[in-house]
Protein backbone atom coordinates (compact mmCIF):
# COMPACT_ATOMS: atom_id res chain seq x y z
CA MET A 1 82.36 -122.72 98.21
CA GLN A 2 78.76 -121.53 97.43
CA ILE A 3 76.84 -122.22 94.13
CA ALA A 4 73.28 -121.66 93.10
CA VAL A 5 71.66 -123.76 90.63
CA CYS A 6 68.03 -122.86 89.06
CA LEU A 7 65.85 -125.63 88.17
CA LYS A 8 62.97 -125.79 86.43
CA GLN A 9 59.44 -127.96 86.17
CA VAL A 10 59.04 -129.51 82.87
CA PRO A 11 56.65 -132.26 81.87
CA ASP A 12 57.87 -135.62 81.80
CA PRO A 13 57.96 -136.30 77.71
CA ALA A 14 56.57 -139.87 78.58
CA THR A 15 53.46 -138.43 80.17
CA VAL A 16 52.56 -136.26 77.28
CA GLU A 17 49.66 -137.04 75.39
CA VAL A 18 47.95 -135.26 72.33
CA ASP A 19 44.44 -135.47 71.34
CA PRO A 20 44.22 -136.64 67.83
CA LEU A 21 41.15 -134.93 67.11
CA THR A 22 41.81 -131.55 68.76
CA ALA A 23 45.46 -131.53 68.67
CA ALA A 24 45.20 -130.40 72.40
CA LEU A 25 47.58 -131.27 75.03
CA ASP A 26 45.94 -133.71 78.28
CA ALA A 27 47.06 -131.45 80.89
CA ARG A 28 45.44 -133.83 83.37
CA ARG A 29 47.87 -137.13 82.72
CA MET A 30 50.92 -134.73 82.52
CA LEU A 31 53.54 -135.24 85.14
CA TYR A 32 55.99 -132.68 85.77
CA ILE A 33 60.21 -133.51 86.32
CA ALA A 34 63.15 -131.11 86.78
CA GLY A 35 64.51 -130.32 83.13
CA PRO A 36 66.90 -132.61 81.98
CA ALA A 37 69.66 -129.78 81.72
CA ASP A 38 69.02 -128.34 85.30
CA THR A 39 69.32 -131.89 86.70
CA ALA A 40 72.79 -132.08 84.97
CA ALA A 41 73.79 -128.67 86.11
CA LEU A 42 72.64 -129.71 89.77
CA GLU A 43 75.03 -132.80 89.61
CA VAL A 44 78.05 -130.71 88.79
CA ALA A 45 77.12 -127.99 90.98
CA LEU A 46 77.34 -131.16 93.69
CA GLN A 47 80.55 -132.10 92.38
CA LEU A 48 82.26 -128.52 92.13
CA ALA A 49 81.20 -128.02 95.78
CA GLY A 50 82.46 -131.32 97.53
CA ALA A 51 82.04 -131.99 101.33
CA GLU A 52 82.30 -128.58 102.08
CA GLY A 53 80.57 -126.41 99.84
CA HIS A 54 77.11 -125.28 99.72
CA VAL A 55 74.37 -125.59 96.96
CA SER A 56 71.23 -123.81 96.80
CA ALA A 57 68.57 -124.88 94.44
CA LEU A 58 66.19 -122.35 93.21
CA CYS A 59 62.84 -122.83 91.43
CA VAL A 60 60.46 -120.44 90.23
CA GLY A 61 56.83 -122.06 89.86
CA PRO A 62 53.74 -122.88 91.99
CA PRO A 63 53.44 -124.96 95.16
CA ALA A 64 53.65 -127.87 92.67
CA ALA A 65 57.14 -127.35 91.79
CA ASP A 66 58.12 -128.46 95.70
CA ALA A 67 58.96 -131.91 93.98
CA VAL A 68 61.64 -130.43 92.11
CA LEU A 69 63.04 -129.11 94.98
CA ARG A 70 62.70 -132.29 97.01
CA MET A 71 64.60 -133.75 94.20
CA ALA A 72 67.34 -131.28 94.62
CA LEU A 73 67.48 -131.88 98.47
CA ALA A 74 67.67 -135.74 97.77
CA ALA A 75 70.49 -135.44 95.65
CA GLY A 76 72.59 -133.56 97.87
CA ALA A 77 71.98 -129.71 97.78
CA THR A 78 72.09 -128.24 101.40
CA GLU A 79 69.17 -125.68 100.70
CA ALA A 80 66.24 -125.41 98.49
CA ARG A 81 63.89 -122.08 97.87
CA ARG A 82 61.00 -121.75 95.79
CA LEU A 83 59.94 -118.47 94.38
CA TRP A 84 56.81 -117.66 93.48
CA ALA A 85 54.69 -114.47 92.74
CA PRO A 86 51.05 -115.88 91.67
CA PHE A 87 50.42 -112.55 89.72
CA LEU A 88 53.04 -113.23 87.32
CA PRO A 89 52.34 -115.69 84.20
CA LEU A 90 54.61 -118.49 84.02
CA GLN A 91 56.06 -117.48 80.60
CA ALA A 92 57.29 -114.10 81.75
CA PRO A 93 60.85 -114.29 81.39
CA ALA A 94 61.79 -110.82 82.72
CA GLN A 95 59.86 -111.25 86.05
CA THR A 96 61.36 -114.30 86.44
CA ALA A 97 64.99 -113.27 86.18
CA LEU A 98 64.06 -110.50 88.94
CA LEU A 99 62.60 -113.10 91.06
CA LEU A 100 66.10 -115.23 90.86
CA ALA A 101 68.32 -112.04 90.69
CA ALA A 102 66.71 -111.00 94.03
CA ALA A 103 66.83 -114.24 95.61
CA LEU A 104 70.70 -114.41 94.82
């Protein structure tokens, strides 16, 4: 059985700080983790695949997103692939979907 899991890098809620005067986020202090729903999907995929299955973890993002893929490999995924087109904005869902579809 082959299963693909799409992961996304999101800010860790414990590290998000807002400046009380400007209401701006302090991006310098934010750490990023895999989304909780994505982590749950990876866990289910690993259980469904069992010992004989193949679980591929995919993530669309800059090189900093490699930490999310390393977490997936440590959890038991057999393959991890980061997709990135530096000319696309991060908030471009249609282009993200096309990258994921091409990889799958």
